[in-house]
């Protein structure tokens, strides 16, 4: 029987070499964004930015990535960013701009909140 859910894409082998791509993924210290950063870091030799609200969350996340990608400490950089704070957003943007001359891959984590219907 045909299935649309047949494994046709294997990230570890099917993601091409990303070379010197600069990657930024928001909320990448956990969940799908963490997994995405971990997989992309395996295929990149440039800078991946791990965004977290605190240095402690970064340390926990980078430890997991280091287990899968031994040279991740040379690739992944910490960027403090609290998306709930505009001041934090601006500071992170200024830091990113001073440290990088471009951005090649941006993955913005989105969240959906449940709200009561208005009607």
N, C-alpha and C. Protein backbone atom coordinates (compact mmCIF):
# COMPACT_ATOMS: atom_id res chain seq x y z
N UNK A 1 0.84 -1.18 0.00
CA UNK A 1 0.00 0.00 0.00
C UNK A 1 0.89 1.24 0.00
N UNK A 2 0.52 2.21 -0.83
CA UNK A 2 1.29 3.45 -0.93
C UNK A 2 1.00 4.35 0.26
N UNK A 3 2.02 4.99 0.76
CA UNK A 3 1.86 5.90 1.89
C UNK A 3 2.60 7.20 1.62
N UNK A 4 1.98 8.30 1.98
CA UNK A 4 2.64 9.59 1.85
C UNK A 4 3.71 9.78 2.93
N UNK A 5 3.70 8.93 3.93
CA UNK A 5 4.61 9.09 5.05
C UNK A 5 5.81 8.17 4.97
N UNK A 6 6.11 7.67 3.78
CA UNK A 6 7.29 6.86 3.58
C UNK A 6 8.52 7.76 3.76
N UNK A 7 9.51 7.26 4.45
CA UNK A 7 10.71 8.06 4.71
C UNK A 7 11.49 8.25 3.42
N UNK A 8 11.32 9.39 2.80
CA UNK A 8 12.02 9.70 1.56
C UNK A 8 13.21 10.63 1.81
N UNK A 9 13.22 11.30 2.93
CA UNK A 9 14.26 12.27 3.24
C UNK A 9 14.92 11.90 4.56
N UNK A 10 16.22 11.70 4.51
CA UNK A 10 16.99 11.40 5.71
C UNK A 10 17.94 12.57 5.94
N UNK A 11 17.66 13.42 6.94
CA UNK A 11 18.45 14.65 7.11
C UNK A 11 19.96 14.44 7.23
N UNK A 12 20.37 13.40 7.93
CA UNK A 12 21.80 13.20 8.15
C UNK A 12 22.54 12.99 6.83
N UNK A 13 21.91 12.31 5.89
CA UNK A 13 22.57 12.03 4.61
C UNK A 13 22.08 12.91 3.47
N UNK A 14 20.88 13.46 3.57
CA UNK A 14 20.29 14.19 2.44
C UNK A 14 20.49 15.71 2.47
N UNK A 15 20.89 16.27 3.61
CA UNK A 15 21.18 17.71 3.64
C UNK A 15 22.54 17.90 2.98
N UNK A 16 22.62 18.78 1.98
CA UNK A 16 23.91 18.97 1.30
C UNK A 16 24.89 19.75 2.18
N UNK A 17 26.13 19.78 1.77
CA UNK A 17 27.14 20.56 2.47
C UNK A 17 26.72 22.03 2.40
N UNK A 18 26.67 22.68 3.54
CA UNK A 18 26.27 24.08 3.60
C UNK A 18 27.46 25.03 3.56
N UNK A 19 28.66 24.46 3.52
CA UNK A 19 29.85 25.28 3.39
C UNK A 19 29.96 26.35 4.46
N UNK A 20 30.08 27.58 4.04
CA UNK A 20 30.28 28.71 4.95
C UNK A 20 29.00 29.48 5.22
N UNK A 21 27.85 28.81 5.15
CA UNK A 21 26.57 29.47 5.40
C UNK A 21 26.47 29.90 6.87
N UNK A 22 26.00 31.12 7.10
CA UNK A 22 25.76 31.62 8.45
C UNK A 22 24.30 31.36 8.77
N UNK A 23 24.07 30.62 9.85
CA UNK A 23 22.74 30.13 10.20
C UNK A 23 22.28 30.76 11.51
N UNK A 24 21.02 31.17 11.54
CA UNK A 24 20.43 31.71 12.77
C UNK A 24 19.06 31.07 12.95
N UNK A 25 18.86 30.40 14.07
CA UNK A 25 17.59 29.75 14.37
C UNK A 25 17.13 30.23 15.74
N UNK A 26 15.96 30.85 15.80
CA UNK A 26 15.47 31.35 17.08
C UNK A 26 15.01 30.19 17.96
N UNK A 27 15.08 30.40 19.25
CA UNK A 27 14.66 29.41 20.26
C UNK A 27 15.30 28.06 20.03
N UNK A 28 16.58 28.07 19.70
CA UNK A 28 17.25 26.83 19.30
C UNK A 28 17.87 26.06 20.45
N UNK A 29 17.49 26.38 21.68
CA UNK A 29 18.01 25.60 22.80
C UNK A 29 17.08 24.45 23.17
N UNK A 30 16.00 24.23 22.40
CA UNK A 30 15.11 23.11 22.68
C UNK A 30 14.15 22.85 21.53
N UNK A 31 13.51 21.70 21.57
CA UNK A 31 12.47 21.36 20.61
C UNK A 31 12.95 21.17 19.18
N UNK A 32 12.06 21.45 18.24
CA UNK A 32 12.37 21.27 16.83
C UNK A 32 13.51 22.18 16.36
N UNK A 33 13.55 23.39 16.90
CA UNK A 33 14.62 24.32 16.51
C UNK A 33 15.98 23.79 16.92
N UNK A 34 16.07 23.16 18.10
CA UNK A 34 17.32 22.55 18.56
C UNK A 34 17.74 21.42 17.61
N UNK A 35 16.78 20.57 17.25
CA UNK A 35 17.07 19.48 16.32
C UNK A 35 17.52 19.99 14.97
N UNK A 36 16.87 21.05 14.50
CA UNK A 36 17.23 21.65 13.22
C UNK A 36 18.65 22.19 13.27
N UNK A 37 18.98 22.93 14.33
CA UNK A 37 20.33 23.48 14.47
C UNK A 37 21.36 22.36 14.55
N UNK A 38 21.05 21.33 15.28
CA UNK A 38 21.97 20.20 15.41
C UNK A 38 22.25 19.56 14.05
N UNK A 39 21.20 19.35 13.26
CA UNK A 39 21.38 18.75 11.94
C UNK A 39 22.12 19.67 10.98
N UNK A 40 21.77 20.96 10.98
CA UNK A 40 22.44 21.88 10.07
C UNK A 40 23.90 22.09 10.45
N UNK A 41 24.21 22.03 11.72
CA UNK A 41 25.60 22.20 12.17
C UNK A 41 26.48 21.05 11.66
N UNK A 42 25.91 19.88 11.49
CA UNK A 42 26.67 18.74 10.95
C UNK A 42 27.14 19.02 9.52
N UNK A 43 26.43 19.89 8.82
CA UNK A 43 26.70 20.12 7.40
C UNK A 43 27.29 21.49 7.11
N UNK A 44 27.67 22.23 8.13
CA UNK A 44 28.17 23.59 7.94
C UNK A 44 29.54 23.73 8.57
N UNK A 45 30.37 24.57 7.97
CA UNK A 45 31.68 24.85 8.53
C UNK A 45 31.77 26.31 8.98
N UNK A 46 30.68 27.03 8.85
CA UNK A 46 30.66 28.44 9.25
C UNK A 46 30.03 28.57 10.62
N UNK A 47 29.30 29.64 10.81
CA UNK A 47 28.77 29.97 12.13
C UNK A 47 27.29 29.65 12.21
N UNK A 48 26.91 28.94 13.25
CA UNK A 48 25.51 28.72 13.58
C UNK A 48 25.27 29.45 14.89
N UNK A 49 24.21 30.24 14.94
CA UNK A 49 23.91 30.98 16.16
C UNK A 49 22.86 30.26 16.97
N UNK A 50 23.21 29.90 18.18
CA UNK A 50 22.28 29.24 19.09
C UNK A 50 21.70 30.32 19.99
N UNK A 51 20.44 30.56 19.84
CA UNK A 51 19.75 31.59 20.61
C UNK A 51 19.16 30.95 21.85
N UNK A 52 19.38 31.57 22.99
CA UNK A 52 18.79 31.12 24.25
C UNK A 52 18.63 32.32 25.16
N UNK A 53 17.71 32.20 26.12
CA UNK A 53 17.47 33.31 27.05
C UNK A 53 18.56 33.44 28.09
N UNK A 54 19.32 32.38 28.32
CA UNK A 54 20.37 32.45 29.35
C UNK A 54 21.56 31.59 28.95
N UNK A 55 22.70 31.88 29.54
CA UNK A 55 23.92 31.13 29.29
C UNK A 55 23.77 29.69 29.76
N UNK A 56 22.98 29.45 30.81
CA UNK A 56 22.76 28.09 31.33
C UNK A 56 22.01 27.23 30.31
N UNK A 57 20.98 27.80 29.68
CA UNK A 57 20.24 27.05 28.65
C UNK A 57 21.13 26.77 27.45
N UNK A 58 21.99 27.73 27.12
CA UNK A 58 22.94 27.52 26.03
C UNK A 58 23.88 26.36 26.36
N UNK A 59 24.41 26.35 27.58
CA UNK A 59 25.36 25.30 27.98
C UNK A 59 24.73 23.91 27.86
N UNK A 60 23.49 23.78 28.28
CA UNK A 60 22.80 22.48 28.18
C UNK A 60 22.60 22.09 26.73
N UNK A 61 22.22 23.05 25.89
CA UNK A 61 21.97 22.75 24.48
C UNK A 61 23.26 22.41 23.74
N UNK A 62 24.31 23.18 23.97
CA UNK A 62 25.57 22.93 23.26
C UNK A 62 26.18 21.59 23.67
N UNK A 63 25.95 21.17 24.91
CA UNK A 63 26.45 19.87 25.36
C UNK A 63 25.82 18.76 24.53
N UNK A 64 24.51 18.87 24.26
CA UNK A 64 23.85 17.88 23.42
C UNK A 64 24.33 17.90 21.98
N UNK A 65 24.55 19.09 21.45
CA UNK A 65 25.02 19.21 20.07
C UNK A 65 26.45 18.68 19.96
N UNK A 66 27.28 18.95 20.97
CA UNK A 66 28.67 18.45 20.96
C UNK A 66 28.73 16.93 20.92
N UNK A 67 27.73 16.27 21.52
CA UNK A 67 27.70 14.81 21.50
C UNK A 67 27.54 14.30 20.07
N UNK A 68 26.78 15.05 19.25
CA UNK A 68 26.54 14.62 17.87
C UNK A 68 27.55 15.21 16.88
N UNK A 69 28.03 16.42 17.19
CA UNK A 69 28.94 17.13 16.30
C UNK A 69 30.16 17.58 17.12
N UNK A 70 31.23 16.79 17.13
CA UNK A 70 32.37 17.08 18.01
C UNK A 70 33.00 18.46 17.82
N UNK A 71 32.98 19.02 16.61
CA UNK A 71 33.59 20.32 16.39
C UNK A 71 32.58 21.47 16.51
N UNK A 72 31.44 21.21 17.10
CA UNK A 72 30.38 22.23 17.22
C UNK A 72 30.82 23.45 18.01
N UNK A 73 31.73 23.28 18.95
CA UNK A 73 32.18 24.43 19.75
C UNK A 73 32.88 25.47 18.88
N UNK A 74 33.41 25.07 17.74
CA UNK A 74 34.05 26.00 16.80
C UNK A 74 33.03 26.63 15.86
N UNK A 75 31.86 26.03 15.74
CA UNK A 75 30.85 26.48 14.78
C UNK A 75 29.72 27.25 15.44
N UNK A 76 29.24 26.76 16.57
CA UNK A 76 28.06 27.32 17.22
C UNK A 76 28.44 28.45 18.17
N UNK A 77 27.77 29.60 18.00
CA UNK A 77 27.99 30.75 18.88
C UNK A 77 26.73 31.02 19.68
N UNK A 78 26.92 31.47 20.90
CA UNK A 78 25.80 31.84 21.77
C UNK A 78 25.36 33.26 21.47
N UNK A 79 24.06 33.45 21.38
CA UNK A 79 23.49 34.79 21.23
C UNK A 79 22.32 34.90 22.19
N UNK A 80 22.47 35.75 23.20
CA UNK A 80 21.39 35.93 24.17
C UNK A 80 20.26 36.70 23.51
N UNK A 81 19.06 36.14 23.60
CA UNK A 81 17.91 36.75 22.95
C UNK A 81 16.64 36.30 23.65
N UNK A 82 15.88 37.25 24.14
CA UNK A 82 14.57 36.99 24.74
C UNK A 82 13.55 37.63 23.82
N UNK A 83 12.86 36.81 23.04
CA UNK A 83 11.93 37.33 22.04
C UNK A 83 10.76 38.10 22.65
N UNK A 84 10.57 38.01 23.96
CA UNK A 84 9.50 38.74 24.62
C UNK A 84 9.92 40.18 24.96
N UNK A 85 11.17 40.51 24.72
CA UNK A 85 11.70 41.83 25.06
C UNK A 85 12.24 42.52 23.81
N UNK A 86 11.67 43.66 23.46
CA UNK A 86 12.15 44.41 22.30
C UNK A 86 13.58 44.91 22.51
N UNK A 87 13.92 45.27 23.73
CA UNK A 87 15.29 45.71 24.03
C UNK A 87 16.28 44.56 23.78
N UNK A 88 15.91 43.36 24.19
CA UNK A 88 16.75 42.19 23.95
C UNK A 88 16.87 41.91 22.46
N UNK A 89 15.76 42.05 21.72
CA UNK A 89 15.78 41.85 20.27
C UNK A 89 16.76 42.80 19.61
N UNK A 90 16.70 44.07 20.00
CA UNK A 90 17.56 45.08 19.40
C UNK A 90 19.03 44.81 19.73
N UNK A 91 19.31 44.46 20.98
CA UNK A 91 20.69 44.17 21.38
C UNK A 91 21.24 42.98 20.61
N UNK A 92 20.42 41.93 20.46
CA UNK A 92 20.85 40.74 19.73
C UNK A 92 21.10 41.07 18.26
N UNK A 93 20.23 41.89 17.66
CA UNK A 93 20.41 42.28 16.26
C UNK A 93 21.70 43.07 16.08
N UNK A 94 21.97 44.00 16.99
CA UNK A 94 23.20 44.79 16.91
C UNK A 94 24.43 43.91 17.07
N UNK A 95 24.37 42.96 18.00
CA UNK A 95 25.48 42.03 18.20
C UNK A 95 25.71 41.20 16.95
N UNK A 96 24.63 40.68 16.38
CA UNK A 96 24.74 39.86 15.18
C UNK A 96 25.36 40.65 14.03
N UNK A 97 24.91 41.89 13.84
CA UNK A 97 25.40 42.72 12.73
C UNK A 97 26.89 43.04 12.89
N UNK A 98 27.33 43.27 14.12
CA UNK A 98 28.75 43.58 14.32
C UNK A 98 29.64 42.36 14.12
N UNK A 99 29.11 41.16 14.36
CA UNK A 99 29.91 39.95 14.25
C UNK A 99 29.84 39.27 12.89
N UNK A 100 28.85 39.62 12.08
CA UNK A 100 28.65 38.96 10.79
C UNK A 100 28.42 39.98 9.68
N UNK A 101 28.83 39.61 8.48
CA UNK A 101 28.60 40.50 7.35
C UNK A 101 27.38 40.10 6.52
N UNK A 102 26.76 38.98 6.90
CA UNK A 102 25.58 38.51 6.16
C UNK A 102 24.83 37.47 6.99
N UNK A 103 23.66 37.09 6.51
CA UNK A 103 22.87 36.00 7.09
C UNK A 103 22.37 35.15 5.93
N UNK A 104 22.70 33.87 5.93
CA UNK A 104 22.34 33.00 4.82
C UNK A 104 21.08 32.19 5.09
N UNK A 105 20.92 31.70 6.31
CA UNK A 105 19.76 30.88 6.64
C UNK A 105 19.14 31.41 7.93
N UNK A 106 17.86 31.73 7.87
CA UNK A 106 17.12 32.18 9.06
C UNK A 106 15.93 31.26 9.24
N UNK A 107 15.83 30.68 10.42
CA UNK A 107 14.67 29.84 10.76
C UNK A 107 14.05 30.46 12.00
N UNK A 108 12.87 30.99 11.84
CA UNK A 108 12.15 31.63 12.94
C UNK A 108 11.17 30.62 13.50
N UNK A 109 11.32 30.31 14.76
CA UNK A 109 10.39 29.39 15.41
C UNK A 109 9.08 30.13 15.63
N UNK A 110 8.01 29.49 15.28
CA UNK A 110 6.70 30.10 15.50
C UNK A 110 5.94 29.28 16.52
N UNK A 111 5.09 29.95 17.24
CA UNK A 111 4.27 29.27 18.24
C UNK A 111 2.82 29.68 18.03
N UNK A 112 1.95 28.77 18.33
CA UNK A 112 0.52 29.03 18.22
C UNK A 112 -0.08 28.98 19.62
N UNK A 113 -0.80 30.01 19.97
CA UNK A 113 -1.46 30.04 21.28
C UNK A 113 -2.95 29.82 21.08
N UNK A 114 -3.57 29.17 22.03
CA UNK A 114 -5.01 28.93 21.95
C UNK A 114 -5.74 30.10 22.57
N UNK A 115 -6.68 30.64 21.83
CA UNK A 115 -7.49 31.73 22.33
C UNK A 115 -8.95 31.34 22.23
N UNK A 116 -9.76 31.80 23.17
CA UNK A 116 -11.18 31.56 23.12
C UNK A 116 -11.78 32.25 21.89
N UNK A 117 -12.73 31.63 21.25
CA UNK A 117 -13.39 32.32 20.13
C UNK A 117 -14.07 33.61 20.62
N UNK A 118 -14.03 34.62 19.76
CA UNK A 118 -14.62 35.90 20.13
C UNK A 118 -16.13 35.87 20.05
N UNK A 119 -16.68 34.97 19.27
CA UNK A 119 -18.14 34.92 19.10
C UNK A 119 -18.76 33.78 19.90
